[in-house]
Amino acid sequence: MKPYFILLLTAAIFSGTSSGMPFMNMKAKSPGITGMAEPKVDTTTYKCISGSQFLITAYNTGIFEIRAGRLARRMTQDKNVRAYAVTMINDHEAMNKDVLAIMQKKGYAIPAKLPCDLKAKYKYLNQWMGKKFDRKYAAVDVDEHKLIVALFTETSVKGTDDEVR
């Protein structure tokens, strides 16, 4: 799991710069007249959770990133955004393969559907196209990576399951 922590940490660090991902400097704008509020980040959500909760959260986040990446491939017109989306799809498919292996080994139930917060983020992204989508995708992806990096950090430091840490 630690290589993925480094990957996610790197993504979070570079999300604020133009290094390698020029579109990540875009600022999200207000949601406009749609009435759907932009998702907010609550970094306190993932504090001190069990190994099974960590794996389920990591798996669900991976599924969200894969789905959001597939959506980005369809909705963007920017080749950099499309390339980033493909990277997110590939990276999270690989991560989820490892997470699933651990979950199956431990006998944990595999989530059948995304939790409501991730469904809402996907629905939020699905209403945009083009450059507006790119800004929203960048903002949501950065926020999601902040959350998961906090989760990975917390689990790697305070987790009690050595296989999960």
C-alpha atoms as a PDB file:
ATOM      1  CA  MET A   1       0.000   0.000   0.000  1.00  0.00           C
ATOM      2  CA  LYS A   2       2.858   2.434   0.661  1.00  0.00           C
ATOM      3  CA  PRO A   3       3.726   2.967  -3.038  1.00  0.00           C
ATOM      4  CA  TYR A   4       0.166   4.216  -3.567  1.00  0.00           C
ATOM      5  CA  PHE A   5       0.492   6.576  -0.625  1.00  0.00           C
ATOM      6  CA  ILE A   6       3.513   8.118  -2.332  1.00  0.00           C
ATOM      7  CA  LEU A   7       1.603   8.299  -5.615  1.00  0.00           C
ATOM      8  CA  LEU A   8      -1.363  10.023  -3.991  1.00  0.00           C
ATOM      9  CA  LEU A   9       0.842  12.344  -1.972  1.00  0.00           C
ATOM     10  CA  THR A  10       2.674  13.317  -5.138  1.00  0.00           C
ATOM     11  CA  ALA A  11      -0.638  13.978  -6.885  1.00  0.00           C
ATOM     12  CA  ALA A  12      -1.752  16.222  -4.021  1.00  0.00           C
ATOM     13  CA  ILE A  13       1.535  18.123  -3.991  1.00  0.00           C
ATOM     14  CA  PHE A  14       1.620  18.650  -7.748  1.00  0.00           C
ATOM     15  CA  SER A  15      -2.040  19.553  -7.924  1.00  0.00           C
ATOM     16  CA  GLY A  16      -1.170  23.063  -6.793  1.00  0.00           C
ATOM     17  CA  THR A  17       1.526  23.587  -9.429  1.00  0.00           C
ATOM     18  CA  SER A  18       1.806  23.401 -13.149  1.00  0.00           C
ATOM     19  CA  SER A  19       4.443  20.664 -13.006  1.00  0.00           C
ATOM     20  CA  GLY A  20       3.274  18.044 -15.419  1.00  0.00           C
ATOM     21  CA  MET A  21      -0.402  18.897 -15.091  1.00  0.00           C
ATOM     22  CA  PRO A  22      -1.022  22.395 -16.469  1.00  0.00           C
ATOM     23  CA  PHE A  23      -4.775  22.225 -16.084  1.00  0.00           C
ATOM     24  CA  MET A  24      -4.507  21.686 -12.318  1.00  0.00           C
ATOM     25  CA  ASN A  25      -3.889  25.422 -11.780  1.00  0.00           C
ATOM     26  CA  MET A  26      -7.444  26.230 -12.788  1.00  0.00           C
ATOM     27  CA  LYS A  27      -9.626  27.662 -10.068  1.00  0.00           C
ATOM     28  CA  ALA A  28     -13.109  26.294  -9.574  1.00  0.00           C
ATOM     29  CA  LYS A  29     -15.839  28.854 -10.033  1.00  0.00           C
ATOM     30  CA  SER A  30     -19.208  28.980  -8.370  1.00  0.00           C
ATOM     31  CA  PRO A  31     -21.657  26.368  -9.577  1.00  0.00           C
ATOM     32  CA  GLY A  32     -23.811  28.999 -11.295  1.00  0.00           C
ATOM     33  CA  ILE A  33     -27.520  28.691 -11.898  1.00  0.00           C
ATOM     34  CA  THR A  34     -27.809  24.929 -11.619  1.00  0.00           C
ATOM     35  CA  GLY A  35     -28.460  25.165  -7.912  1.00  0.00           C
ATOM     36  CA  MET A  36     -26.169  22.227  -7.176  1.00  0.00           C
ATOM     37  CA  ALA A  37     -23.585  23.289  -4.630  1.00  0.00           C
ATOM     38  CA  GLU A  38     -19.923  22.558  -5.166  1.00  0.00           C
ATOM     39  CA  PRO A  39     -18.765  19.684  -2.921  1.00  0.00           C
ATOM     40  CA  LYS A  40     -16.761  20.828   0.089  1.00  0.00           C
ATOM     41  CA  VAL A  41     -13.762  19.086   1.653  1.00  0.00           C
ATOM     42  CA  ASP A  42     -13.969  17.925   5.252  1.00  0.00           C
ATOM     43  CA  THR A  43     -10.541  16.585   6.132  1.00  0.00           C
ATOM     44  CA  THR A  44     -11.796  15.432   9.523  1.00  0.00           C
ATOM     45  CA  THR A  45     -13.939  12.730   7.896  1.00  0.00           C
ATOM     46  CA  TYR A  46     -11.278  10.038   7.825  1.00  0.00           C
ATOM     47  CA  LYS A  47      -9.670  10.224  11.253  1.00  0.00           C
ATOM     48  CA  CYS A  48      -8.722   7.086  13.174  1.00  0.00           C
ATOM     49  CA  ILE A  49     -10.606   4.419  11.274  1.00  0.00           C
ATOM     50  CA  SER A  50     -10.208   0.664  11.356  1.00  0.00           C
ATOM     51  CA  GLY A  51      -8.363  -1.383   8.762  1.00  0.00           C
ATOM     52  CA  SER A  52     -11.596  -2.545   7.163  1.00  0.00           C
ATOM     53  CA  GLN A  53     -12.968   1.005   7.024  1.00  0.00           C
ATOM     54  CA  PHE A  54      -9.717   2.192   5.489  1.00  0.00           C
ATOM     55  CA  LEU A  55      -9.824  -0.467   2.781  1.00  0.00           C
ATOM     56  CA  ILE A  56     -13.480   0.214   1.981  1.00  0.00           C
ATOM     57  CA  THR A  57     -12.835   3.962   1.804  1.00  0.00           C
ATOM     58  CA  ALA A  58      -9.733   3.471  -0.346  1.00  0.00           C
ATOM     59  CA  TYR A  59     -11.659   1.127  -2.649  1.00  0.00           C
ATOM     60  CA  ASN A  60     -14.638   3.490  -2.983  1.00  0.00           C
ATOM     61  CA  THR A  61     -12.355   6.440  -3.640  1.00  0.00           C
ATOM     62  CA  GLY A  62     -10.588   4.415  -6.313  1.00  0.00           C
ATOM     63  CA  ILE A  63     -13.896   3.556  -7.978  1.00  0.00           C
ATOM     64  CA  PHE A  64     -14.872   7.229  -7.887  1.00  0.00           C
ATOM     65  CA  GLU A  65     -11.542   8.256  -9.447  1.00  0.00           C
ATOM     66  CA  ILE A  66     -11.963   5.648 -12.197  1.00  0.00           C
ATOM     67  CA  ARG A  67     -15.514   6.789 -12.979  1.00  0.00           C
ATOM     68  CA  ALA A  68     -14.574  10.470 -12.811  1.00  0.00           C
ATOM     69  CA  GLY A  69     -11.598   9.791 -15.089  1.00  0.00           C
ATOM     70  CA  ARG A  70     -13.840   8.057 -17.623  1.00  0.00           C
ATOM     71  CA  LEU A  71     -16.232  10.986 -17.427  1.00  0.00           C
ATOM     72  CA  ALA A  72     -13.325  13.394 -17.956  1.00  0.00           C
ATOM     73  CA  ARG A  73     -12.263  11.549 -21.097  1.00  0.00           C
ATOM     74  CA  ARG A  74     -15.748  12.203 -22.512  1.00  0.00           C
ATOM     75  CA  MET A  75     -16.372  15.732 -21.242  1.00  0.00           C
ATOM     76  CA  THR A  76     -13.059  17.466 -21.801  1.00  0.00           C
ATOM     77  CA  GLN A  77     -11.659  18.908 -24.978  1.00  0.00           C
ATOM     78  CA  ASP A  78      -8.221  19.432 -23.438  1.00  0.00           C
ATOM     79  CA  LYS A  79      -5.552  16.831 -24.226  1.00  0.00           C
ATOM     80  CA  ASN A  80      -3.795  17.443 -20.884  1.00  0.00           C
ATOM     81  CA  VAL A  81      -6.980  16.803 -18.931  1.00  0.00           C
ATOM     82  CA  ARG A  82      -7.634  13.684 -20.989  1.00  0.00           C
ATOM     83  CA  ALA A  83      -4.079  12.414 -20.353  1.00  0.00           C
ATOM     84  CA  TYR A  84      -4.433  13.094 -16.625  1.00  0.00           C
ATOM     85  CA  ALA A  85      -7.777  11.266 -16.586  1.00  0.00           C
ATOM     86  CA  VAL A  86      -6.209   8.220 -18.240  1.00  0.00           C
ATOM     87  CA  THR A  87      -3.444   8.293 -15.614  1.00  0.00           C
ATOM     88  CA  MET A  88      -6.031   8.435 -12.823  1.00  0.00           C
ATOM     89  CA  ILE A  89      -7.946   5.521 -14.349  1.00  0.00           C
ATOM     90  CA  ASN A  90      -4.837   3.364 -14.709  1.00  0.00           C
ATOM     91  CA  ASP A  91      -3.413   4.227 -11.284  1.00  0.00           C
ATOM     92  CA  HIS A  92      -6.675   3.664  -9.428  1.00  0.00           C
ATOM     93  CA  GLU A  93      -7.455   0.437 -11.271  1.00  0.00           C
ATOM     94  CA  ALA A  94      -4.047  -0.886 -10.142  1.00  0.00           C
ATOM     95  CA  MET A  95      -4.563   0.357  -6.586  1.00  0.00           C
ATOM     96  CA  ASN A  96      -8.042  -1.145  -6.369  1.00  0.00           C
ATOM     97  CA  LYS A  97      -6.735  -4.486  -7.582  1.00  0.00           C
ATOM     98  CA  ASP A  98      -4.358  -4.549  -4.601  1.00  0.00           C
ATOM     99  CA  VAL A  99      -7.017  -3.280  -2.184  1.00  0.00           C
ATOM    100  CA  LEU A 100      -9.475  -5.936  -3.375  1.00  0.00           C
ATOM    101  CA  ALA A 101      -6.885  -8.671  -2.884  1.00  0.00           C
ATOM    102  CA  ILE A 102      -6.374  -7.625   0.739  1.00  0.00           C
ATOM    103  CA  MET A 103     -10.125  -7.266   1.334  1.00  0.00           C
ATOM    104  CA  GLN A 104     -10.815 -10.729  -0.082  1.00  0.00           C
ATOM    105  CA  LYS A 105      -7.965 -12.261   1.922  1.00  0.00           C
ATOM    106  CA  LYS A 106      -9.399 -10.753   5.117  1.00  0.00           C
ATOM    107  CA  GLY A 107     -12.972 -11.687   4.222  1.00  0.00           C
ATOM    108  CA  TYR A 108     -14.257  -8.108   4.069  1.00  0.00           C
ATOM    109  CA  ALA A 109     -17.381  -7.367   2.050  1.00  0.00           C
ATOM    110  CA  ILE A 110     -16.769  -5.583  -1.236  1.00  0.00           C
ATOM    111  CA  PRO A 111     -18.918  -2.431  -1.511  1.00  0.00           C
ATOM    112  CA  ALA A 112     -21.658  -2.831  -4.124  1.00  0.00           C
ATOM    113  CA  LYS A 113     -22.125   0.897  -4.747  1.00  0.00           C
ATOM    114  CA  LEU A 114     -20.522   4.229  -4.018  1.00  0.00           C
ATOM    115  CA  PRO A 115     -21.410   6.111  -0.844  1.00  0.00           C
ATOM    116  CA  CYS A 116     -23.702   9.118  -1.225  1.00  0.00           C
ATOM    117  CA  ASP A 117     -20.935  11.738  -0.980  1.00  0.00           C
ATOM    118  CA  LEU A 118     -19.014  10.248  -3.904  1.00  0.00           C
ATOM    119  CA  LYS A 119     -22.208   9.786  -5.939  1.00  0.00           C
ATOM    120  CA  ALA A 120     -22.953  13.472  -5.362  1.00  0.00           C
ATOM    121  CA  LYS A 121     -19.478  14.492  -6.526  1.00  0.00           C
ATOM    122  CA  TYR A 122     -19.888  12.425  -9.690  1.00  0.00           C
ATOM    123  CA  LYS A 123     -23.333  13.906 -10.342  1.00  0.00           C
ATOM    124  CA  TYR A 124     -21.888  17.372  -9.781  1.00  0.00           C
ATOM    125  CA  LEU A 125     -19.140  16.751 -12.356  1.00  0.00           C
ATOM    126  CA  ASN A 126     -21.540  15.190 -14.843  1.00  0.00           C
ATOM    127  CA  GLN A 127     -23.385  18.484 -15.390  1.00  0.00           C
ATOM    128  CA  TRP A 128     -20.411  20.288 -16.971  1.00  0.00           C
ATOM    129  CA  MET A 129     -18.578  20.125 -20.302  1.00  0.00           C
ATOM    130  CA  GLY A 130     -15.453  21.587 -21.865  1.00  0.00           C
ATOM    131  CA  LYS A 131     -13.387  24.126 -19.969  1.00  0.00           C
ATOM    132  CA  LYS A 132     -15.950  24.483 -17.217  1.00  0.00           C
ATOM    133  CA  PHE A 133     -15.811  20.716 -16.678  1.00  0.00           C
ATOM    134  CA  ASP A 134     -12.012  20.871 -16.589  1.00  0.00           C
ATOM    135  CA  ARG A 135     -12.070  23.410 -13.750  1.00  0.00           C
ATOM    136  CA  LYS A 136     -14.645  21.442 -11.782  1.00  0.00           C
ATOM    137  CA  TYR A 137     -12.848  18.134 -12.348  1.00  0.00           C
ATOM    138  CA  ALA A 138      -9.555  19.646 -11.200  1.00  0.00           C
ATOM    139  CA  ALA A 139     -11.131  21.089  -8.047  1.00  0.00           C
ATOM    140  CA  VAL A 140     -12.986  17.891  -7.109  1.00  0.00           C
ATOM    141  CA  ASP A 141      -9.968  15.710  -7.860  1.00  0.00           C
ATOM    142  CA  VAL A 142      -7.633  17.852  -5.753  1.00  0.00           C
ATOM    143  CA  ASP A 143     -10.119  17.806  -2.868  1.00  0.00           C
ATOM    144  CA  GLU A 144     -10.582  14.041  -3.125  1.00  0.00           C
ATOM    145  CA  HIS A 145      -6.815  13.500  -3.152  1.00  0.00           C
ATOM    146  CA  LYS A 146      -6.432  15.719  -0.079  1.00  0.00           C
ATOM    147  CA  LEU A 147      -8.916  13.505   1.727  1.00  0.00           C
ATOM    148  CA  ILE A 148      -7.335  10.240   0.665  1.00  0.00           C
ATOM    149  CA  VAL A 149      -3.809  11.475   1.416  1.00  0.00           C
ATOM    150  CA  ALA A 150      -5.007  12.392   4.919  1.00  0.00           C
ATOM    151  CA  LEU A 151      -6.537   8.926   5.230  1.00  0.00           C
ATOM    152  CA  PHE A 152      -3.389   7.148   4.019  1.00  0.00           C
ATOM    153  CA  THR A 153      -1.204   9.273   6.306  1.00  0.00           C
ATOM    154  CA  GLU A 154      -3.387   8.646   9.340  1.00  0.00           C
ATOM    155  CA  THR A 155      -3.565   4.916   8.647  1.00  0.00           C
ATOM    156  CA  SER A 156       0.153   4.545   7.962  1.00  0.00           C
ATOM    157  CA  VAL A 157       0.968   6.261  11.268  1.00  0.00           C
ATOM    158  CA  LYS A 158      -1.819   5.097  13.591  1.00  0.00           C
ATOM    159  CA  GLY A 159      -3.196   1.990  11.927  1.00  0.00           C
ATOM    160  CA  THR A 160      -3.087  -1.219  13.943  1.00  0.00           C
ATOM    161  CA  ASP A 161      -3.266  -3.682  11.040  1.00  0.00           C
ATOM    162  CA  ASP A 162       0.278  -4.145   9.735  1.00  0.00           C
ATOM    163  CA  GLU A 163      -0.894  -5.579   6.423  1.00  0.00           C
ATOM    164  CA  VAL A 164      -3.067  -2.532   5.797  1.00  0.00           C
ATOM    165  CA  ARG A 165      -0.486  -0.025   7.026  1.00  0.00           C
END
